[in-house]
Amino acid sequence: MNHIKTYHAKEMKTSIGTIIIEGPVSSNRIEELEFHEQLVAFRPPPQQKKALMEIAALPEGRIIIARHDDMIIGYTTYLHPDPLERWSEGNMDNLIELGAIEVAPPFRSFSIGKNLLEVSMMDDAMEDYIIITTEYYWHWDLKGTGLNVWEYRKIMEKMMHAGGLIWFATDDPEICSHPANCLMVRIGKRVDTDSIQQFDQLRFQNRFMY
């Protein structure tokens, strides 16, 4: 599969100035930008910046960023699922995972997450993919937001809907380990029936035998 990446951008006028949502961006572009010190959800900022550069360099990897002047203040990542997860077992070239989405706390009142997803889907090539995201409550900033798991889940679902991702059932043990966890999926318009059936087999691996 030829992983085509077409750059798109969107300007957001805010009370603190213009915020640019853009991507997919290259490793070199990420390297030359500053990285906000409060982007700490997954790794210390220098390590996370390096991780984004590595993802951007992958054939299927996509990084969409939110930028305030020359500083990355938010991002979302797309890449093939982790080899340790069931979603990689089918070796599906057209299955990519929205692996992370993060916005620095001082900028969370500007709907940046929603806009990151909208810009992600501006690329027509996304119609060739099954896009998944696995939402686990232990990754959520419940302490920082003061929300409970159900309030946060509602916000996450609403944000994912902006990118066309909707809830899908699965028997994946990690997702089933807590009722707030969920699998959300967007199936592109050009995804073939065989791929959809293969994905369904990944979603349900513990079918009862009659």
C-alpha atoms as a PDB file:
ATOM      1  CA  MET A   1       0.000   0.000   0.000  1.00  0.00           C
ATOM      2  CA  ASN A   2       1.259   3.466  -0.896  1.00  0.00           C
ATOM      3  CA  HIS A   3       0.819   5.698   2.153  1.00  0.00           C
ATOM      4  CA  ILE A   4       0.013   9.090   0.646  1.00  0.00           C
ATOM      5  CA  LYS A   5       0.299  12.091   2.968  1.00  0.00           C
ATOM      6  CA  THR A   6      -1.117  15.436   1.863  1.00  0.00           C
ATOM      7  CA  TYR A   7      -0.474  18.473   4.039  1.00  0.00           C
ATOM      8  CA  HIS A   8      -3.438  20.518   5.276  1.00  0.00           C
ATOM      9  CA  ALA A   9      -3.636  23.455   7.675  1.00  0.00           C
ATOM     10  CA  LYS A  10      -6.223  25.485   9.526  1.00  0.00           C
ATOM     11  CA  GLU A  11      -5.912  28.801  11.354  1.00  0.00           C
ATOM     12  CA  MET A  12      -7.730  29.361  14.637  1.00  0.00           C
ATOM     13  CA  LYS A  13      -8.153  32.934  15.855  1.00  0.00           C
ATOM     14  CA  THR A  14      -8.101  32.959  19.674  1.00  0.00           C
ATOM     15  CA  SER A  15      -7.731  35.406  22.549  1.00  0.00           C
ATOM     16  CA  ILE A  16      -4.005  34.573  22.718  1.00  0.00           C
ATOM     17  CA  GLY A  17      -3.409  34.959  19.006  1.00  0.00           C
ATOM     18  CA  THR A  18      -3.464  32.598  16.033  1.00  0.00           C
ATOM     19  CA  ILE A  19      -3.111  28.859  16.560  1.00  0.00           C
ATOM     20  CA  ILE A  20      -2.165  26.800  13.507  1.00  0.00           C
ATOM     21  CA  ILE A  21      -3.386  23.218  13.148  1.00  0.00           C
ATOM     22  CA  GLU A  22      -1.314  21.478  10.460  1.00  0.00           C
ATOM     23  CA  GLY A  23      -0.044  18.214   9.135  1.00  0.00           C
ATOM     24  CA  PRO A  24       1.041  15.648   8.433  1.00  0.00           C
ATOM     25  CA  VAL A  25       4.343  17.305   9.340  1.00  0.00           C
ATOM     26  CA  SER A  26       7.833  15.904   8.752  1.00  0.00           C
ATOM     27  CA  SER A  27      10.439  14.869  11.313  1.00  0.00           C
ATOM     28  CA  ASN A  28      12.559  17.854  10.308  1.00  0.00           C
ATOM     29  CA  ARG A  29       9.677  20.253  10.892  1.00  0.00           C
ATOM     30  CA  ILE A  30       9.041  18.827  14.370  1.00  0.00           C
ATOM     31  CA  GLU A  31      12.732  19.053  15.193  1.00  0.00           C
ATOM     32  CA  GLU A  32      12.944  22.765  14.383  1.00  0.00           C
ATOM     33  CA  LEU A  33       9.949  23.697  16.551  1.00  0.00           C
ATOM     34  CA  GLU A  34       9.878  24.119  20.320  1.00  0.00           C
ATOM     35  CA  PHE A  35       7.870  21.593  22.343  1.00  0.00           C
ATOM     36  CA  HIS A  36       5.650  22.801  25.192  1.00  0.00           C
ATOM     37  CA  GLU A  37       6.991  21.822  28.611  1.00  0.00           C
ATOM     38  CA  GLN A  38       3.527  20.711  29.807  1.00  0.00           C
ATOM     39  CA  LEU A  39       3.075  18.032  27.146  1.00  0.00           C
ATOM     40  CA  VAL A  40       3.871  15.336  29.688  1.00  0.00           C
ATOM     41  CA  ALA A  41       1.004  12.811  29.398  1.00  0.00           C
ATOM     42  CA  PHE A  42       3.118  10.026  27.892  1.00  0.00           C
ATOM     43  CA  ARG A  43       6.820  10.900  28.361  1.00  0.00           C
ATOM     44  CA  PRO A  44       8.991  13.822  29.431  1.00  0.00           C
ATOM     45  CA  PRO A  45       8.728  16.481  26.684  1.00  0.00           C
ATOM     46  CA  PRO A  46      12.174  15.926  25.063  1.00  0.00           C
ATOM     47  CA  GLN A  47      11.491  12.196  24.777  1.00  0.00           C
ATOM     48  CA  GLN A  48       7.986  12.735  23.452  1.00  0.00           C
ATOM     49  CA  LYS A  49       9.252  15.170  20.825  1.00  0.00           C
ATOM     50  CA  LYS A  50      11.757  12.524  19.714  1.00  0.00           C
ATOM     51  CA  ALA A  51       8.968   9.907  19.598  1.00  0.00           C
ATOM     52  CA  LEU A  52       6.883  12.174  17.351  1.00  0.00           C
ATOM     53  CA  MET A  53       9.840  12.617  15.010  1.00  0.00           C
ATOM     54  CA  GLU A  54      10.261   8.845  14.794  1.00  0.00           C
ATOM     55  CA  ILE A  55       6.557   8.328  14.025  1.00  0.00           C
ATOM     56  CA  ALA A  56       6.603  11.057  11.359  1.00  0.00           C
ATOM     57  CA  ALA A  57       9.426   9.190   9.613  1.00  0.00           C
ATOM     58  CA  LEU A  58       7.445   5.929   9.341  1.00  0.00           C
ATOM     59  CA  PRO A  59       5.873   5.183   5.937  1.00  0.00           C
ATOM     60  CA  GLU A  60       2.355   5.205   7.442  1.00  0.00           C
ATOM     61  CA  GLY A  61       3.124   7.574  10.321  1.00  0.00           C
ATOM     62  CA  ARG A  62       1.224  10.848  10.560  1.00  0.00           C
ATOM     63  CA  ILE A  63       1.705  13.674  13.041  1.00  0.00           C
ATOM     64  CA  ILE A  64      -0.778  16.546  13.119  1.00  0.00           C
ATOM     65  CA  ILE A  65       0.310  19.420  15.356  1.00  0.00           C
ATOM     66  CA  ALA A  66      -1.188  22.491  16.967  1.00  0.00           C
ATOM     67  CA  ARG A  67       1.295  25.351  16.898  1.00  0.00           C
ATOM     68  CA  HIS A  68       1.366  28.699  18.691  1.00  0.00           C
ATOM     69  CA  ASP A  69       4.083  30.734  16.975  1.00  0.00           C
ATOM     70  CA  ASP A  70       7.059  28.317  16.899  1.00  0.00           C
ATOM     71  CA  MET A  71       5.904  26.067  19.731  1.00  0.00           C
ATOM     72  CA  ILE A  72       4.046  22.767  19.475  1.00  0.00           C
ATOM     73  CA  ILE A  73       1.200  22.978  22.001  1.00  0.00           C
ATOM     74  CA  GLY A  74      -0.720  19.876  20.933  1.00  0.00           C
ATOM     75  CA  TYR A  75      -0.530  16.911  18.593  1.00  0.00           C
ATOM     76  CA  THR A  76      -2.126  13.697  17.488  1.00  0.00           C
ATOM     77  CA  THR A  77      -0.372  10.600  16.142  1.00  0.00           C
ATOM     78  CA  TYR A  78      -1.354   7.933  13.604  1.00  0.00           C
ATOM     79  CA  LEU A  79       0.636   4.763  12.971  1.00  0.00           C
ATOM     80  CA  HIS A  80       0.270   1.019  12.709  1.00  0.00           C
ATOM     81  CA  PRO A  81      -0.817  -0.600  15.994  1.00  0.00           C
ATOM     82  CA  ASP A  82       1.751  -1.727  18.538  1.00  0.00           C
ATOM     83  CA  PRO A  83       3.029  -5.266  17.740  1.00  0.00           C
ATOM     84  CA  LEU A  84       2.025  -6.328  21.262  1.00  0.00           C
ATOM     85  CA  GLU A  85      -1.653  -5.455  20.674  1.00  0.00           C
ATOM     86  CA  ARG A  86      -4.197  -7.726  18.997  1.00  0.00           C
ATOM     87  CA  TRP A  87      -4.873  -5.039  16.368  1.00  0.00           C
ATOM     88  CA  SER A  88      -1.500  -5.782  14.757  1.00  0.00           C
ATOM     89  CA  GLU A  89      -2.127  -9.531  14.437  1.00  0.00           C
ATOM     90  CA  GLY A  90      -3.742  -9.272  11.019  1.00  0.00           C
ATOM     91  CA  ASN A  91      -0.757  -7.354   9.578  1.00  0.00           C
ATOM     92  CA  MET A  92      -3.262  -5.045   7.910  1.00  0.00           C
ATOM     93  CA  ASP A  93      -1.449  -2.330   5.995  1.00  0.00           C
ATOM     94  CA  ASN A  94      -4.647  -0.244   5.872  1.00  0.00           C
ATOM     95  CA  LEU A  95      -5.272  -0.332   9.644  1.00  0.00           C
ATOM     96  CA  ILE A  96      -3.797   2.612  11.548  1.00  0.00           C
ATOM     97  CA  GLU A  97      -4.237   3.693  15.123  1.00  0.00           C
ATOM     98  CA  LEU A  98      -4.836   7.149  16.505  1.00  0.00           C
ATOM     99  CA  GLY A  99      -2.258   6.423  19.145  1.00  0.00           C
ATOM    100  CA  ALA A 100      -2.166   9.647  21.144  1.00  0.00           C
ATOM    101  CA  ILE A 101      -3.801  13.025  21.326  1.00  0.00           C
ATOM    102  CA  GLU A 102      -2.536  15.643  23.755  1.00  0.00           C
ATOM    103  CA  VAL A 103      -2.984  19.380  24.296  1.00  0.00           C
ATOM    104  CA  ALA A 104      -0.940  21.408  26.779  1.00  0.00           C
ATOM    105  CA  PRO A 105      -3.152  22.410  29.770  1.00  0.00           C
ATOM    106  CA  PRO A 106      -2.973  26.204  29.213  1.00  0.00           C
ATOM    107  CA  PHE A 107      -4.509  25.737  25.738  1.00  0.00           C
ATOM    108  CA  ARG A 108      -7.301  23.266  26.486  1.00  0.00           C
ATOM    109  CA  SER A 109     -10.129  25.808  26.315  1.00  0.00           C
ATOM    110  CA  PHE A 110      -9.746  26.378  22.551  1.00  0.00           C
ATOM    111  CA  SER A 111     -11.187  23.087  21.155  1.00  0.00           C
ATOM    112  CA  ILE A 112      -7.745  22.165  19.817  1.00  0.00           C
ATOM    113  CA  GLY A 113      -8.307  18.404  20.141  1.00  0.00           C
ATOM    114  CA  LYS A 114     -11.427  18.600  17.978  1.00  0.00           C
ATOM    115  CA  ASN A 115      -9.587  20.663  15.388  1.00  0.00           C
ATOM    116  CA  LEU A 116      -6.604  18.291  15.338  1.00  0.00           C
ATOM    117  CA  LEU A 117      -8.988  15.500  14.363  1.00  0.00           C
ATOM    118  CA  GLU A 118     -10.791  17.591  11.769  1.00  0.00           C
ATOM    119  CA  VAL A 119      -7.520  18.535  10.051  1.00  0.00           C
ATOM    120  CA  SER A 120      -6.389  14.885  10.221  1.00  0.00           C
ATOM    121  CA  MET A 121      -9.396  13.849   8.155  1.00  0.00           C
ATOM    122  CA  MET A 122      -8.970  16.575   5.506  1.00  0.00           C
ATOM    123  CA  ASP A 123      -6.547  14.263   3.698  1.00  0.00           C
ATOM    124  CA  ASP A 124      -8.505  12.187   1.173  1.00  0.00           C
ATOM    125  CA  ALA A 125      -6.057   9.298   1.728  1.00  0.00           C
ATOM    126  CA  MET A 126      -7.741   8.685   5.090  1.00  0.00           C
ATOM    127  CA  GLU A 127     -10.636   7.115   3.144  1.00  0.00           C
ATOM    128  CA  ASP A 128      -8.305   4.170   2.411  1.00  0.00           C
ATOM    129  CA  TYR A 129      -7.846   3.308   6.105  1.00  0.00           C
ATOM    130  CA  ILE A 130      -9.586   1.722   9.030  1.00  0.00           C
ATOM    131  CA  ILE A 131      -8.652   4.107  11.836  1.00  0.00           C
ATOM    132  CA  ILE A 132      -8.963   2.935  15.427  1.00  0.00           C
ATOM    133  CA  THR A 133      -8.356   4.429  18.823  1.00  0.00           C
ATOM    134  CA  THR A 134      -8.385   2.561  22.107  1.00  0.00           C
ATOM    135  CA  GLU A 135      -9.481   4.727  25.010  1.00  0.00           C
ATOM    136  CA  TYR A 136      -8.320   3.627  28.473  1.00  0.00           C
ATOM    137  CA  TYR A 137      -9.425   5.618  31.512  1.00  0.00           C
ATOM    138  CA  TRP A 138      -5.971   5.318  33.135  1.00  0.00           C
ATOM    139  CA  HIS A 139      -4.540   7.553  30.382  1.00  0.00           C
ATOM    140  CA  TRP A 140      -7.028  10.331  31.086  1.00  0.00           C
ATOM    141  CA  ASP A 141      -6.159  13.466  33.042  1.00  0.00           C
ATOM    142  CA  LEU A 142      -8.903  13.024  35.640  1.00  0.00           C
ATOM    143  CA  LYS A 143      -6.928  14.837  38.328  1.00  0.00           C
ATOM    144  CA  GLY A 144      -6.090  17.846  36.193  1.00  0.00           C
ATOM    145  CA  THR A 145      -9.615  18.255  34.851  1.00  0.00           C
ATOM    146  CA  GLY A 146     -11.534  17.335  38.004  1.00  0.00           C
ATOM    147  CA  LEU A 147     -13.838  15.125  35.928  1.00  0.00           C
ATOM    148  CA  ASN A 148     -14.944  11.604  36.766  1.00  0.00           C
ATOM    149  CA  VAL A 149     -14.398   8.757  34.290  1.00  0.00           C
ATOM    150  CA  TRP A 150     -17.864   9.059  32.738  1.00  0.00           C
ATOM    151  CA  GLU A 151     -17.654  12.821  32.267  1.00  0.00           C
ATOM    152  CA  TYR A 152     -14.216  12.440  30.664  1.00  0.00           C
ATOM    153  CA  ARG A 153     -15.414   9.561  28.487  1.00  0.00           C
ATOM    154  CA  LYS A 154     -18.275  11.739  27.211  1.00  0.00           C
ATOM    155  CA  ILE A 155     -15.822  14.509  26.272  1.00  0.00           C
ATOM    156  CA  MET A 156     -13.498  12.009  24.551  1.00  0.00           C
ATOM    157  CA  GLU A 157     -16.367  10.508  22.536  1.00  0.00           C
ATOM    158  CA  LYS A 158     -17.553  13.952  21.433  1.00  0.00           C
ATOM    159  CA  MET A 159     -14.031  14.891  20.368  1.00  0.00           C
ATOM    160  CA  MET A 160     -13.529  11.635  18.447  1.00  0.00           C
ATOM    161  CA  HIS A 161     -16.848  12.162  16.663  1.00  0.00           C
ATOM    162  CA  ALA A 162     -15.280  15.314  15.148  1.00  0.00           C
ATOM    163  CA  GLY A 163     -12.926  12.957  13.300  1.00  0.00           C
ATOM    164  CA  GLY A 164     -15.697  10.561  12.347  1.00  0.00           C
ATOM    165  CA  LEU A 165     -14.736   7.889  14.885  1.00  0.00           C
ATOM    166  CA  ILE A 166     -17.609   6.067  16.559  1.00  0.00           C
ATOM    167  CA  TRP A 167     -17.935   3.388  19.259  1.00  0.00           C
ATOM    168  CA  PHE A 168     -17.420  -0.245  18.177  1.00  0.00           C
ATOM    169  CA  ALA A 169     -17.907  -3.347  20.321  1.00  0.00           C
ATOM    170  CA  THR A 170     -14.977  -5.689  21.028  1.00  0.00           C
ATOM    171  CA  ASP A 171     -14.005  -8.512  23.368  1.00  0.00           C
ATOM    172  CA  ASP A 172     -10.454  -7.195  23.807  1.00  0.00           C
ATOM    173  CA  PRO A 173      -9.578  -7.961  27.469  1.00  0.00           C
ATOM    174  CA  GLU A 174      -7.924  -4.608  28.204  1.00  0.00           C
ATOM    175  CA  ILE A 175     -10.874  -2.653  26.862  1.00  0.00           C
ATOM    176  CA  CYS A 176     -13.325  -4.935  28.656  1.00  0.00           C
ATOM    177  CA  SER A 177     -11.428  -4.554  31.953  1.00  0.00           C
ATOM    178  CA  HIS A 178     -13.337  -1.341  32.763  1.00  0.00           C
ATOM    179  CA  PRO A 179     -16.711  -0.164  31.399  1.00  0.00           C
ATOM    180  CA  ALA A 180     -15.390   3.343  30.682  1.00  0.00           C
ATOM    181  CA  ASN A 181     -12.752   2.000  28.280  1.00  0.00           C
ATOM    182  CA  CYS A 182     -13.799   1.821  24.653  1.00  0.00           C
ATOM    183  CA  LEU A 183     -12.788   1.151  21.065  1.00  0.00           C
ATOM    184  CA  MET A 184     -13.636   3.861  18.531  1.00  0.00           C
ATOM    185  CA  VAL A 185     -13.325   3.383  14.790  1.00  0.00           C
ATOM    186  CA  ARG A 186     -13.572   5.205  11.469  1.00  0.00           C
ATOM    187  CA  ILE A 187     -13.848   3.046   8.352  1.00  0.00           C
ATOM    188  CA  GLY A 188     -12.844   4.942   5.221  1.00  0.00           C
ATOM    189  CA  LYS A 189     -15.159   5.039   2.210  1.00  0.00           C
ATOM    190  CA  ARG A 190     -12.736   3.063   0.024  1.00  0.00           C
ATOM    191  CA  VAL A 191     -11.985   0.248   2.500  1.00  0.00           C
ATOM    192  CA  ASP A 192     -12.882  -3.095   0.895  1.00  0.00           C
ATOM    193  CA  THR A 193     -15.223  -5.696   2.376  1.00  0.00           C
ATOM    194  CA  ASP A 194     -12.429  -8.229   2.995  1.00  0.00           C
ATOM    195  CA  SER A 195     -10.565  -5.711   5.151  1.00  0.00           C
ATOM    196  CA  ILE A 196     -13.702  -4.959   7.158  1.00  0.00           C
ATOM    197  CA  GLN A 197     -14.278  -8.678   7.751  1.00  0.00           C
ATOM    198  CA  GLN A 198     -10.645  -9.144   8.787  1.00  0.00           C
ATOM    199  CA  PHE A 199     -11.006  -6.248  11.220  1.00  0.00           C
ATOM    200  CA  ASP A 200     -14.173  -7.804  12.661  1.00  0.00           C
ATOM    201  CA  GLN A 201     -12.189 -10.975  13.343  1.00  0.00           C
ATOM    202  CA  LEU A 202      -9.646  -8.887  15.275  1.00  0.00           C
ATOM    203  CA  ARG A 203     -12.426  -7.225  17.277  1.00  0.00           C
ATOM    204  CA  PHE A 204     -13.923 -10.556  18.344  1.00  0.00           C
ATOM    205  CA  GLN A 205     -11.542 -13.412  19.033  1.00  0.00           C
ATOM    206  CA  ASN A 206     -13.463 -15.197  21.776  1.00  0.00           C
ATOM    207  CA  ARG A 207     -16.648 -16.193  19.974  1.00  0.00           C
ATOM    208  CA  PHE A 208     -18.716 -18.830  21.713  1.00  0.00           C
ATOM    209  CA  MET A 209     -18.840 -22.200  19.954  1.00  0.00           C
ATOM    210  CA  TYR A 210     -22.275 -23.725  19.522  1.00  0.00           C
END
